[in-house]
Amino acid sequence: MEPVTLTTERLVLRPHTPSDVPAVHAACQDPDIPRWTNVPSPYTREHAEDFVCRIAPQGWRDDTAYDFAVTTRDEGVLVGAVGLVRLNLLAAPERQAELGYWTAKEHRGRGYTTEAGRALARWAFTELGVERLEWYAEVGNAGSRAVAQKIGFRMEGTLRARLLHGGSRRDGWVGSSSPPTCASPPPPPYLPAPPATTG
């Protein structure tokens, strides 16, 4: 897929460029980012170069992952990153994706990630044809959970040993979001499980 750029009231979501390497490297020095995400720790400049110059572009070329630098519209300052990874499950190949994000420490608390996440979710539903968008976070990551809820994710529960982090399995929160009913084409109908019966 050809990379795209999305805009919101305050932000530009664009593909990463080599000029992002210093800002990505600097942001990922904050211990909270490797603590709650799967970025390497310690995070070196080589890690930033590999992500920006190889991993992110490869995802676009393979049509499997779509990583965006989140920058301010007025000054072009990188404030974070958001991305989608396609979940190729047998039940619904290429129709499910996972949303992820991080925000540079000095730019938190301004609603940037919520604004970016909403724009990316809208793009996933309208342009990629995603029918179920998922979000995961390690249990305890209250900041990520709050953002997901503001974006519109419905919390579905806790999955035992869902996430692999730092060489160990961790329990994970899971949430999901579905296309708006006005999406075109409309999503397939949702048929919830019937109530449990006793017998």
N, C-alpha and C. Protein backbone atom coordinates (compact mmCIF):
# COMPACT_ATOMS: atom_id res chain seq x y z
N MET A 1 0.84 -1.19 0.00
CA MET A 1 0.00 0.00 0.00
C MET A 1 0.88 1.24 0.00
N GLU A 2 0.45 2.25 -0.73
CA GLU A 2 1.16 3.52 -0.71
C GLU A 2 0.89 4.25 0.60
N PRO A 3 1.91 4.75 1.27
CA PRO A 3 1.70 5.48 2.52
C PRO A 3 0.78 6.68 2.32
N VAL A 4 0.01 6.99 3.35
CA VAL A 4 -0.92 8.11 3.30
C VAL A 4 -0.63 9.05 4.47
N THR A 5 -1.18 10.25 4.36
CA THR A 5 -1.09 11.24 5.43
C THR A 5 -2.50 11.62 5.86
N LEU A 6 -2.72 11.68 7.17
CA LEU A 6 -4.01 12.06 7.73
C LEU A 6 -3.85 13.35 8.51
N THR A 7 -4.89 14.17 8.51
CA THR A 7 -4.83 15.41 9.27
C THR A 7 -6.04 15.51 10.20
N THR A 8 -5.82 16.17 11.33
CA THR A 8 -6.89 16.46 12.27
C THR A 8 -6.84 17.96 12.56
N GLU A 9 -7.63 18.38 13.51
CA GLU A 9 -7.65 19.81 13.84
C GLU A 9 -6.28 20.33 14.25
N ARG A 10 -5.53 19.53 15.01
CA ARG A 10 -4.25 20.00 15.53
C ARG A 10 -3.05 19.22 15.03
N LEU A 11 -3.27 18.10 14.35
CA LEU A 11 -2.19 17.16 14.09
C LEU A 11 -2.09 16.75 12.62
N VAL A 12 -0.89 16.29 12.28
CA VAL A 12 -0.65 15.61 11.01
C VAL A 12 -0.10 14.23 11.34
N LEU A 13 -0.75 13.20 10.81
CA LEU A 13 -0.27 11.83 10.95
C LEU A 13 0.33 11.46 9.60
N ARG A 14 1.63 11.25 9.58
CA ARG A 14 2.32 10.99 8.32
C ARG A 14 3.28 9.82 8.49
N PRO A 15 3.69 9.20 7.37
CA PRO A 15 4.70 8.15 7.47
C PRO A 15 6.00 8.71 8.05
N HIS A 16 6.73 7.87 8.75
CA HIS A 16 8.00 8.30 9.32
C HIS A 16 9.01 8.60 8.21
N THR A 17 9.88 9.56 8.49
CA THR A 17 10.98 9.89 7.59
C THR A 17 12.27 9.84 8.38
N PRO A 18 13.42 9.72 7.71
CA PRO A 18 14.69 9.66 8.44
C PRO A 18 14.92 10.82 9.40
N SER A 19 14.31 11.98 9.12
CA SER A 19 14.49 13.12 10.02
C SER A 19 13.83 12.90 11.38
N ASP A 20 12.98 11.87 11.49
CA ASP A 20 12.33 11.57 12.77
C ASP A 20 13.23 10.81 13.74
N VAL A 21 14.33 10.28 13.26
CA VAL A 21 15.16 9.42 14.10
C VAL A 21 15.54 10.08 15.43
N PRO A 22 16.07 11.32 15.43
CA PRO A 22 16.45 11.91 16.72
C PRO A 22 15.27 12.05 17.69
N ALA A 23 14.11 12.46 17.18
CA ALA A 23 12.95 12.65 18.06
C ALA A 23 12.42 11.33 18.59
N VAL A 24 12.39 10.29 17.75
CA VAL A 24 11.94 8.98 18.20
C VAL A 24 12.90 8.43 19.24
N HIS A 25 14.19 8.57 18.98
CA HIS A 25 15.19 8.11 19.94
C HIS A 25 15.05 8.83 21.27
N ALA A 26 14.88 10.14 21.23
CA ALA A 26 14.76 10.93 22.46
C ALA A 26 13.50 10.54 23.23
N ALA A 27 12.38 10.38 22.54
CA ALA A 27 11.13 10.06 23.22
C ALA A 27 11.20 8.71 23.92
N CYS A 28 11.86 7.76 23.29
CA CYS A 28 11.91 6.40 23.84
C CYS A 28 12.95 6.23 24.94
N GLN A 29 13.57 7.33 25.36
CA GLN A 29 14.43 7.29 26.55
C GLN A 29 13.58 7.34 27.82
N ASP A 30 12.34 7.79 27.69
CA ASP A 30 11.43 7.81 28.82
C ASP A 30 11.16 6.36 29.25
N PRO A 31 11.46 5.98 30.48
CA PRO A 31 11.30 4.58 30.88
C PRO A 31 9.88 4.05 30.79
N ASP A 32 8.87 4.93 30.80
CA ASP A 32 7.50 4.46 30.70
C ASP A 32 7.18 3.84 29.34
N ILE A 33 7.87 4.27 28.28
CA ILE A 33 7.57 3.74 26.96
C ILE A 33 8.03 2.28 26.84
N PRO A 34 9.29 1.94 27.13
CA PRO A 34 9.64 0.52 27.10
C PRO A 34 8.95 -0.29 28.20
N ARG A 35 8.57 0.36 29.29
CA ARG A 35 7.88 -0.37 30.36
C ARG A 35 6.54 -0.91 29.87
N TRP A 36 5.81 -0.13 29.08
CA TRP A 36 4.46 -0.52 28.70
C TRP A 36 4.31 -0.93 27.25
N THR A 37 5.35 -0.76 26.43
CA THR A 37 5.27 -1.16 25.02
C THR A 37 6.36 -2.16 24.73
N ASN A 38 6.44 -2.60 23.48
CA ASN A 38 7.44 -3.60 23.12
C ASN A 38 8.68 -3.00 22.46
N VAL A 39 8.93 -1.69 22.66
CA VAL A 39 10.17 -1.13 22.13
C VAL A 39 11.33 -1.66 22.97
N PRO A 40 12.52 -1.83 22.36
CA PRO A 40 13.66 -2.37 23.09
C PRO A 40 14.09 -1.45 24.24
N SER A 41 14.73 -2.06 25.22
CA SER A 41 15.27 -1.30 26.35
C SER A 41 16.61 -1.90 26.75
N PRO A 42 17.67 -1.07 26.80
CA PRO A 42 17.70 0.37 26.50
C PRO A 42 17.48 0.62 25.01
N TYR A 43 16.92 1.78 24.71
CA TYR A 43 16.58 2.14 23.34
C TYR A 43 17.68 2.99 22.75
N THR A 44 18.39 2.44 21.77
CA THR A 44 19.54 3.12 21.17
C THR A 44 19.14 3.88 19.91
N ARG A 45 20.05 4.71 19.44
CA ARG A 45 19.80 5.41 18.17
C ARG A 45 19.65 4.40 17.03
N GLU A 46 20.39 3.29 17.11
CA GLU A 46 20.29 2.26 16.07
C GLU A 46 18.89 1.66 16.05
N HIS A 47 18.27 1.50 17.22
CA HIS A 47 16.89 1.01 17.26
C HIS A 47 15.95 1.99 16.55
N ALA A 48 16.14 3.27 16.81
CA ALA A 48 15.29 4.28 16.17
C ALA A 48 15.49 4.27 14.66
N GLU A 49 16.72 4.17 14.22
CA GLU A 49 17.01 4.14 12.78
C GLU A 49 16.37 2.92 12.13
N ASP A 50 16.45 1.77 12.81
CA ASP A 50 15.89 0.53 12.26
C ASP A 50 14.37 0.64 12.14
N PHE A 51 13.73 1.20 13.16
CA PHE A 51 12.28 1.35 13.11
C PHE A 51 11.85 2.33 12.02
N VAL A 52 12.46 3.51 12.03
CA VAL A 52 12.05 4.57 11.11
C VAL A 52 12.38 4.23 9.66
N CYS A 53 13.56 3.66 9.42
CA CYS A 53 14.06 3.48 8.05
C CYS A 53 13.81 2.10 7.46
N ARG A 54 13.54 1.10 8.30
CA ARG A 54 13.32 -0.24 7.78
C ARG A 54 11.97 -0.82 8.17
N ILE A 55 11.68 -0.91 9.47
CA ILE A 55 10.48 -1.61 9.93
C ILE A 55 9.20 -0.90 9.46
N ALA A 56 9.11 0.41 9.72
CA ALA A 56 7.89 1.14 9.35
C ALA A 56 7.65 1.12 7.83
N PRO A 57 8.65 1.43 6.99
CA PRO A 57 8.39 1.37 5.55
C PRO A 57 8.04 -0.03 5.05
N GLN A 58 8.64 -1.06 5.67
CA GLN A 58 8.36 -2.43 5.24
C GLN A 58 6.90 -2.80 5.50
N GLY A 59 6.36 -2.33 6.62
CA GLY A 59 4.96 -2.60 6.91
C GLY A 59 4.03 -2.04 5.85
N TRP A 60 4.32 -0.81 5.41
CA TRP A 60 3.51 -0.21 4.34
C TRP A 60 3.66 -1.01 3.04
N ARG A 61 4.90 -1.40 2.70
CA ARG A 61 5.11 -2.15 1.46
C ARG A 61 4.38 -3.49 1.47
N ASP A 62 4.41 -4.16 2.64
CA ASP A 62 3.78 -5.48 2.75
C ASP A 62 2.27 -5.40 2.98
N ASP A 63 1.75 -4.19 3.24
CA ASP A 63 0.34 -4.00 3.53
C ASP A 63 -0.09 -4.80 4.77
N THR A 64 0.81 -4.77 5.78
CA THR A 64 0.55 -5.52 7.02
C THR A 64 0.55 -4.62 8.25
N ALA A 65 1.22 -3.48 8.17
CA ALA A 65 1.31 -2.57 9.31
C ALA A 65 1.44 -1.15 8.78
N TYR A 66 0.86 -0.20 9.52
CA TYR A 66 0.80 1.19 9.06
C TYR A 66 1.19 2.08 10.23
N ASP A 67 2.45 2.50 10.24
CA ASP A 67 2.98 3.33 11.33
C ASP A 67 3.01 4.79 10.91
N PHE A 68 2.57 5.65 11.84
CA PHE A 68 2.50 7.08 11.57
C PHE A 68 3.27 7.86 12.65
N ALA A 69 4.01 8.86 12.22
CA ALA A 69 4.53 9.87 13.13
C ALA A 69 3.40 10.86 13.39
N VAL A 70 3.19 11.20 14.65
CA VAL A 70 2.16 12.17 15.01
C VAL A 70 2.85 13.50 15.27
N THR A 71 2.56 14.49 14.43
CA THR A 71 3.22 15.79 14.54
C THR A 71 2.19 16.90 14.65
N THR A 72 2.60 18.02 15.24
CA THR A 72 1.69 19.16 15.34
C THR A 72 1.57 19.84 13.98
N ARG A 73 0.37 20.35 13.69
CA ARG A 73 0.15 21.01 12.39
C ARG A 73 0.90 22.32 12.30
N ASP A 74 1.01 23.03 13.42
CA ASP A 74 1.59 24.37 13.34
C ASP A 74 3.11 24.36 13.24
N GLU A 75 3.79 23.50 14.02
CA GLU A 75 5.25 23.53 14.04
C GLU A 75 5.90 22.25 13.54
N GLY A 76 5.11 21.22 13.32
CA GLY A 76 5.68 19.96 12.83
C GLY A 76 6.47 19.20 13.87
N VAL A 77 6.19 19.43 15.14
CA VAL A 77 6.91 18.75 16.22
C VAL A 77 6.36 17.34 16.41
N LEU A 78 7.24 16.36 16.50
CA LEU A 78 6.80 15.00 16.72
C LEU A 78 6.38 14.84 18.18
N VAL A 79 5.12 14.47 18.39
CA VAL A 79 4.59 14.33 19.75
C VAL A 79 4.31 12.88 20.12
N GLY A 80 4.37 11.99 19.14
CA GLY A 80 4.12 10.59 19.44
C GLY A 80 4.05 9.76 18.18
N ALA A 81 3.53 8.56 18.32
CA ALA A 81 3.41 7.65 17.19
C ALA A 81 2.15 6.81 17.39
N VAL A 82 1.48 6.50 16.28
CA VAL A 82 0.34 5.59 16.30
C VAL A 82 0.53 4.61 15.15
N GLY A 83 -0.10 3.46 15.27
CA GLY A 83 0.04 2.49 14.21
C GLY A 83 -1.03 1.42 14.27
N LEU A 84 -1.21 0.75 13.14
CA LEU A 84 -2.13 -0.37 13.02
C LEU A 84 -1.35 -1.58 12.53
N VAL A 85 -1.69 -2.73 13.07
CA VAL A 85 -1.15 -4.00 12.59
C VAL A 85 -2.33 -4.87 12.20
N ARG A 86 -2.30 -5.41 10.99
CA ARG A 86 -3.38 -6.30 10.58
C ARG A 86 -3.28 -7.61 11.35
N LEU A 87 -4.44 -8.13 11.77
CA LEU A 87 -4.51 -9.41 12.45
C LEU A 87 -5.11 -10.41 11.47
N ASN A 88 -4.27 -11.26 10.91
CA ASN A 88 -4.73 -12.21 9.90
C ASN A 88 -5.21 -13.49 10.57
N LEU A 89 -6.39 -13.40 11.14
CA LEU A 89 -6.98 -14.55 11.80
C LEU A 89 -7.77 -15.39 10.79
N LEU A 90 -7.80 -16.68 11.01
CA LEU A 90 -8.49 -17.56 10.07
C LEU A 90 -9.96 -17.21 9.94
N ALA A 91 -10.56 -16.75 11.03
CA ALA A 91 -11.99 -16.46 11.00
C ALA A 91 -12.32 -15.22 10.17
N ALA A 92 -11.39 -14.31 10.06
CA ALA A 92 -11.69 -13.06 9.35
C ALA A 92 -10.39 -12.48 8.80
N PRO A 93 -9.80 -13.11 7.80
CA PRO A 93 -8.52 -12.63 7.29
C PRO A 93 -8.60 -11.20 6.79
N GLU A 94 -7.63 -10.40 7.25
CA GLU A 94 -7.44 -9.02 6.80
C GLU A 94 -8.58 -8.09 7.19
N ARG A 95 -9.48 -8.50 8.04
CA ARG A 95 -10.59 -7.63 8.43
C ARG A 95 -10.48 -7.20 9.89
N GLN A 96 -9.40 -7.57 10.55
CA GLN A 96 -9.19 -7.17 11.93
C GLN A 96 -7.81 -6.55 12.05
N ALA A 97 -7.68 -5.58 12.94
CA ALA A 97 -6.40 -4.91 13.13
C ALA A 97 -6.27 -4.50 14.58
N GLU A 98 -5.02 -4.26 14.99
CA GLU A 98 -4.73 -3.82 16.35
C GLU A 98 -4.17 -2.41 16.31
N LEU A 99 -4.66 -1.55 17.20
CA LEU A 99 -4.19 -0.18 17.31
C LEU A 99 -3.18 -0.07 18.44
N GLY A 100 -2.08 0.62 18.18
CA GLY A 100 -1.08 0.88 19.21
C GLY A 100 -0.62 2.33 19.15
N TYR A 101 -0.04 2.81 20.26
CA TYR A 101 0.39 4.21 20.30
C TYR A 101 1.33 4.45 21.47
N TRP A 102 2.13 5.51 21.34
CA TRP A 102 2.88 6.07 22.46
C TRP A 102 2.96 7.58 22.28
N THR A 103 3.16 8.27 23.40
CA THR A 103 3.24 9.72 23.38
C THR A 103 4.49 10.17 24.10
N ALA A 104 5.21 11.11 23.52
CA ALA A 104 6.39 11.66 24.18
C ALA A 104 5.98 12.31 25.50
N LYS A 105 6.80 12.09 26.52
CA LYS A 105 6.43 12.50 27.89
C LYS A 105 6.02 13.95 27.98
N GLU A 106 6.78 14.83 27.33
CA GLU A 106 6.52 16.27 27.45
C GLU A 106 5.25 16.73 26.73
N HIS A 107 4.63 15.83 25.97
CA HIS A 107 3.42 16.20 25.23
C HIS A 107 2.17 15.47 25.73
N ARG A 108 2.28 14.78 26.84
CA ARG A 108 1.13 14.07 27.38
C ARG A 108 0.16 15.03 28.06
N GLY A 109 -1.07 14.58 28.17
CA GLY A 109 -2.08 15.37 28.86
C GLY A 109 -2.75 16.43 28.01
N ARG A 110 -2.49 16.43 26.71
CA ARG A 110 -3.08 17.43 25.82
C ARG A 110 -4.11 16.84 24.86
N GLY A 111 -4.35 15.55 24.96
CA GLY A 111 -5.33 14.90 24.09
C GLY A 111 -4.83 14.56 22.70
N TYR A 112 -3.52 14.67 22.47
CA TYR A 112 -2.99 14.40 21.14
C TYR A 112 -3.21 12.94 20.71
N THR A 113 -2.95 12.01 21.63
CA THR A 113 -3.05 10.60 21.25
C THR A 113 -4.49 10.20 21.00
N THR A 114 -5.41 10.72 21.78
CA THR A 114 -6.83 10.45 21.54
C THR A 114 -7.24 10.99 20.17
N GLU A 115 -6.82 12.19 19.86
CA GLU A 115 -7.16 12.81 18.56
C GLU A 115 -6.58 11.99 17.41
N ALA A 116 -5.32 11.57 17.56
CA ALA A 116 -4.67 10.78 16.51
C ALA A 116 -5.31 9.40 16.39
N GLY A 117 -5.62 8.79 17.53
CA GLY A 117 -6.21 7.46 17.51
C GLY A 117 -7.58 7.44 16.86
N ARG A 118 -8.37 8.48 17.11
CA ARG A 118 -9.69 8.56 16.47
C ARG A 118 -9.55 8.66 14.96
N ALA A 119 -8.60 9.47 14.51
CA ALA A 119 -8.40 9.63 13.07
C ALA A 119 -7.94 8.32 12.43
N LEU A 120 -7.06 7.61 13.13
CA LEU A 120 -6.55 6.36 12.57
C LEU A 120 -7.64 5.29 12.57
N ALA A 121 -8.46 5.25 13.61
CA ALA A 121 -9.57 4.29 13.63
C ALA A 121 -10.54 4.56 12.49
N ARG A 122 -10.86 5.83 12.28
CA ARG A 122 -11.77 6.20 11.18
C ARG A 122 -11.20 5.75 9.84
N TRP A 123 -9.89 5.95 9.64
CA TRP A 123 -9.24 5.53 8.41
C TRP A 123 -9.28 4.01 8.26
N ALA A 124 -9.06 3.30 9.35
CA ALA A 124 -9.08 1.84 9.31
C ALA A 124 -10.44 1.33 8.86
N PHE A 125 -11.49 1.93 9.39
CA PHE A 125 -12.84 1.46 9.06
C PHE A 125 -13.26 1.86 7.65
N THR A 126 -12.91 3.07 7.24
CA THR A 126 -13.41 3.56 5.96
C THR A 126 -12.53 3.21 4.77
N GLU A 127 -11.21 3.14 4.99
CA GLU A 127 -10.30 2.91 3.87
C GLU A 127 -9.72 1.49 3.83
N LEU A 128 -9.49 0.88 4.98
CA LEU A 128 -8.91 -0.46 5.01
C LEU A 128 -9.97 -1.56 5.08
N GLY A 129 -11.20 -1.18 5.37
CA GLY A 129 -12.25 -2.18 5.47
C GLY A 129 -12.18 -3.01 6.74
N VAL A 130 -11.54 -2.47 7.77
CA VAL A 130 -11.45 -3.20 9.03
C VAL A 130 -12.85 -3.32 9.64
N GLU A 131 -13.17 -4.51 10.15
CA GLU A 131 -14.47 -4.75 10.76
C GLU A 131 -14.39 -4.88 12.28
N ARG A 132 -13.20 -5.11 12.79
CA ARG A 132 -12.99 -5.16 14.24
C ARG A 132 -11.60 -4.62 14.53
N LEU A 133 -11.57 -3.56 15.32
CA LEU A 133 -10.30 -2.95 15.71
C LEU A 133 -10.06 -3.29 17.17
N GLU A 134 -8.89 -3.83 17.46
CA GLU A 134 -8.57 -4.27 18.81
C GLU A 134 -7.49 -3.41 19.44
N TRP A 135 -7.50 -3.38 20.76
CA TRP A 135 -6.49 -2.69 21.56
C TRP A 135 -6.11 -3.60 22.71
N TYR A 136 -4.82 -3.69 22.99
CA TYR A 136 -4.33 -4.47 24.11
C TYR A 136 -3.37 -3.62 24.93
N ALA A 137 -3.35 -3.86 26.22
CA ALA A 137 -2.36 -3.23 27.10
C ALA A 137 -2.16 -4.13 28.30
N GLU A 138 -0.95 -4.10 28.80
CA GLU A 138 -0.67 -4.86 30.01
C GLU A 138 -1.54 -4.34 31.15
N VAL A 139 -2.06 -5.26 31.95
CA VAL A 139 -2.86 -4.86 33.10
C VAL A 139 -2.05 -3.89 33.97
N GLY A 140 -2.64 -2.76 34.29
CA GLY A 140 -1.95 -1.72 35.05
C GLY A 140 -1.64 -0.49 34.24
N ASN A 141 -1.68 -0.59 32.91
CA ASN A 141 -1.37 0.55 32.07
C ASN A 141 -2.63 1.43 31.94
N ALA A 142 -2.91 2.15 33.02
CA ALA A 142 -4.14 2.94 33.10
C ALA A 142 -4.17 4.07 32.08
N GLY A 143 -3.01 4.65 31.76
CA GLY A 143 -2.97 5.74 30.79
C GLY A 143 -3.42 5.28 29.41
N SER A 144 -2.90 4.14 28.95
CA SER A 144 -3.29 3.63 27.65
C SER A 144 -4.77 3.25 27.63
N ARG A 145 -5.24 2.68 28.72
CA ARG A 145 -6.65 2.29 28.80
C ARG A 145 -7.56 3.52 28.71
N ALA A 146 -7.18 4.59 29.40
CA ALA A 146 -8.00 5.81 29.37
C ALA A 146 -8.08 6.37 27.96
N VAL A 147 -6.96 6.36 27.24
CA VAL A 147 -6.95 6.84 25.86
C VAL A 147 -7.85 5.96 24.99
N ALA A 148 -7.73 4.66 25.13
CA ALA A 148 -8.54 3.74 24.33
C ALA A 148 -10.03 3.98 24.55
N GLN A 149 -10.41 4.21 25.79
CA GLN A 149 -11.82 4.45 26.08
C GLN A 149 -12.29 5.77 25.47
N LYS A 150 -11.43 6.79 25.50
CA LYS A 150 -11.80 8.06 24.89
C LYS A 150 -11.93 7.94 23.37
N ILE A 151 -11.11 7.08 22.77
CA ILE A 151 -11.20 6.86 21.33
C ILE A 151 -12.52 6.17 20.97
N GLY A 152 -13.03 5.36 21.91
CA GLY A 152 -14.29 4.67 21.66
C GLY A 152 -14.23 3.17 21.81
N PHE A 153 -13.12 2.66 22.35
CA PHE A 153 -13.00 1.23 22.54
C PHE A 153 -13.86 0.78 23.73
N ARG A 154 -14.47 -0.37 23.56
CA ARG A 154 -15.24 -0.98 24.63
C ARG A 154 -14.36 -2.02 25.32
N MET A 155 -14.21 -1.90 26.62
CA MET A 155 -13.38 -2.84 27.35
C MET A 155 -14.08 -4.19 27.43
N GLU A 156 -13.33 -5.24 27.09
CA GLU A 156 -13.93 -6.57 27.02
C GLU A 156 -13.45 -7.52 28.12
N GLY A 157 -12.39 -7.15 28.82
CA GLY A 157 -11.95 -8.02 29.90
C GLY A 157 -10.45 -8.14 29.99
N THR A 158 -10.00 -9.15 30.71
CA THR A 158 -8.60 -9.43 30.94
C THR A 158 -8.26 -10.80 30.39
N LEU A 159 -7.20 -10.88 29.60
CA LEU A 159 -6.75 -12.14 29.02
C LEU A 159 -5.49 -12.60 29.74
N ARG A 160 -5.54 -13.78 30.30
CA ARG A 160 -4.40 -14.31 31.05
C ARG A 160 -3.24 -14.59 30.10
N ALA A 161 -2.05 -14.08 30.48
CA ALA A 161 -0.81 -14.34 29.74
C ALA A 161 -0.91 -13.95 28.26
N ARG A 162 -1.68 -12.90 27.95
CA ARG A 162 -1.88 -12.51 26.55
C ARG A 162 -0.65 -11.85 25.94
N LEU A 163 0.12 -11.11 26.74
CA LEU A 163 1.22 -10.31 26.20
C LEU A 163 2.57 -10.88 26.62
N LEU A 164 3.50 -10.84 25.69
CA LEU A 164 4.88 -11.23 25.97
C LEU A 164 5.71 -9.97 26.11
N HIS A 165 6.30 -9.77 27.27
CA HIS A 165 7.05 -8.53 27.53
C HIS A 165 8.23 -8.85 28.42
N GLY A 166 9.40 -8.42 27.97
CA GLY A 166 10.60 -8.62 28.78
C GLY A 166 10.89 -10.07 29.09
N GLY A 167 10.53 -10.96 28.18
CA GLY A 167 10.81 -12.38 28.36
C GLY A 167 9.81 -13.12 29.24
N SER A 168 8.71 -12.47 29.62
CA SER A 168 7.70 -13.14 30.43
C SER A 168 6.31 -12.84 29.91
N ARG A 169 5.39 -13.73 30.19
CA ARG A 169 4.00 -13.55 29.80
C ARG A 169 3.30 -12.67 30.82
N ARG A 170 2.51 -11.71 30.35
CA ARG A 170 1.79 -10.79 31.21
C ARG A 170 0.30 -10.83 30.89
N ASP A 171 -0.52 -10.62 31.90
CA ASP A 171 -1.96 -10.50 31.68
C ASP A 171 -2.24 -9.21 30.92
N GLY A 172 -3.23 -9.25 30.04
CA GLY A 172 -3.51 -8.07 29.22
C GLY A 172 -4.98 -7.68 29.23
N TRP A 173 -5.21 -6.38 29.23
CA TRP A 173 -6.55 -5.87 29.00
C TRP A 173 -6.82 -5.90 27.50
N VAL A 174 -8.07 -6.11 27.13
CA VAL A 174 -8.45 -6.10 25.72
C VAL A 174 -9.69 -5.24 25.55
N GLY A 175 -9.69 -4.49 24.46
CA GLY A 175 -10.85 -3.70 24.09
C GLY A 175 -11.04 -3.78 22.59
N SER A 176 -12.22 -3.42 22.12
CA SER A 176 -12.47 -3.46 20.68
C SER A 176 -13.38 -2.32 20.28
N SER A 177 -13.34 -2.03 18.99
CA SER A 177 -14.19 -1.02 18.39
C SER A 177 -14.64 -1.54 17.04
N SER A 178 -15.85 -1.18 16.65
CA SER A 178 -16.41 -1.62 15.38
C SER A 178 -16.73 -0.42 14.51
N PRO A 179 -16.89 -0.63 13.20
CA PRO A 179 -17.20 0.49 12.32
C PRO A 179 -18.52 1.14 12.70
N PRO A 180 -18.64 2.44 12.48
CA PRO A 180 -19.93 3.09 12.70
C PRO A 180 -20.96 2.52 11.74
N THR A 181 -22.21 2.56 12.12
CA THR A 181 -23.25 1.98 11.28
C THR A 181 -23.39 2.71 9.95
N CYS A 182 -22.86 3.93 9.88
CA CYS A 182 -22.95 4.69 8.64
C CYS A 182 -21.80 4.38 7.69
N ALA A 183 -20.91 3.45 8.08
CA ALA A 183 -19.77 3.12 7.23
C ALA A 183 -20.25 2.56 5.90
N SER A 184 -19.45 2.80 4.87
CA SER A 184 -19.79 2.29 3.54
C SER A 184 -18.59 1.53 2.99
N PRO A 185 -18.76 0.22 2.68
CA PRO A 185 -19.98 -0.56 2.89
C PRO A 185 -20.22 -0.82 4.36
N PRO A 186 -21.48 -1.08 4.74
CA PRO A 186 -21.77 -1.31 6.15
C PRO A 186 -21.09 -2.59 6.64
N PRO A 187 -20.74 -2.64 7.93
CA PRO A 187 -20.12 -3.85 8.45
C PRO A 187 -21.12 -4.99 8.49
N PRO A 188 -20.64 -6.25 8.51
CA PRO A 188 -21.58 -7.36 8.64
C PRO A 188 -22.27 -7.29 10.00
N PRO A 189 -23.46 -7.82 10.09
CA PRO A 189 -24.19 -7.74 11.36
C PRO A 189 -23.46 -8.52 12.46
N TYR A 190 -23.63 -8.03 13.68
CA TYR A 190 -23.05 -8.69 14.85
C TYR A 190 -24.11 -9.54 15.50
N LEU A 191 -23.82 -10.81 15.71
CA LEU A 191 -24.74 -11.73 16.34
C LEU A 191 -24.16 -12.16 17.69
N PRO A 192 -24.63 -11.55 18.77
CA PRO A 192 -24.09 -11.93 20.07
C PRO A 192 -24.48 -13.35 20.45
N ALA A 193 -23.67 -13.93 21.35
CA ALA A 193 -23.97 -15.28 21.82
C ALA A 193 -25.27 -15.27 22.62
N PRO A 194 -26.05 -16.35 22.50
CA PRO A 194 -27.29 -16.41 23.27
C PRO A 194 -27.00 -16.56 24.76
N PRO A 195 -27.93 -16.18 25.61
CA PRO A 195 -27.72 -16.32 27.04
C PRO A 195 -27.47 -17.78 27.40
N ALA A 196 -26.64 -17.99 28.41
CA ALA A 196 -26.37 -19.35 28.85
C ALA A 196 -27.63 -19.96 29.46
N THR A 197 -27.83 -21.22 29.18
CA THR A 197 -28.98 -21.93 29.73
C THR A 197 -28.51 -23.00 30.69
N THR A 198 -29.33 -23.29 31.64
CA THR A 198 -29.00 -24.32 32.60
C THR A 198 -29.81 -25.56 32.29
N GLY A 199 -29.26 -26.70 32.53
CA GLY A 199 -30.00 -27.90 32.24
C GLY A 199 -29.30 -29.12 32.74
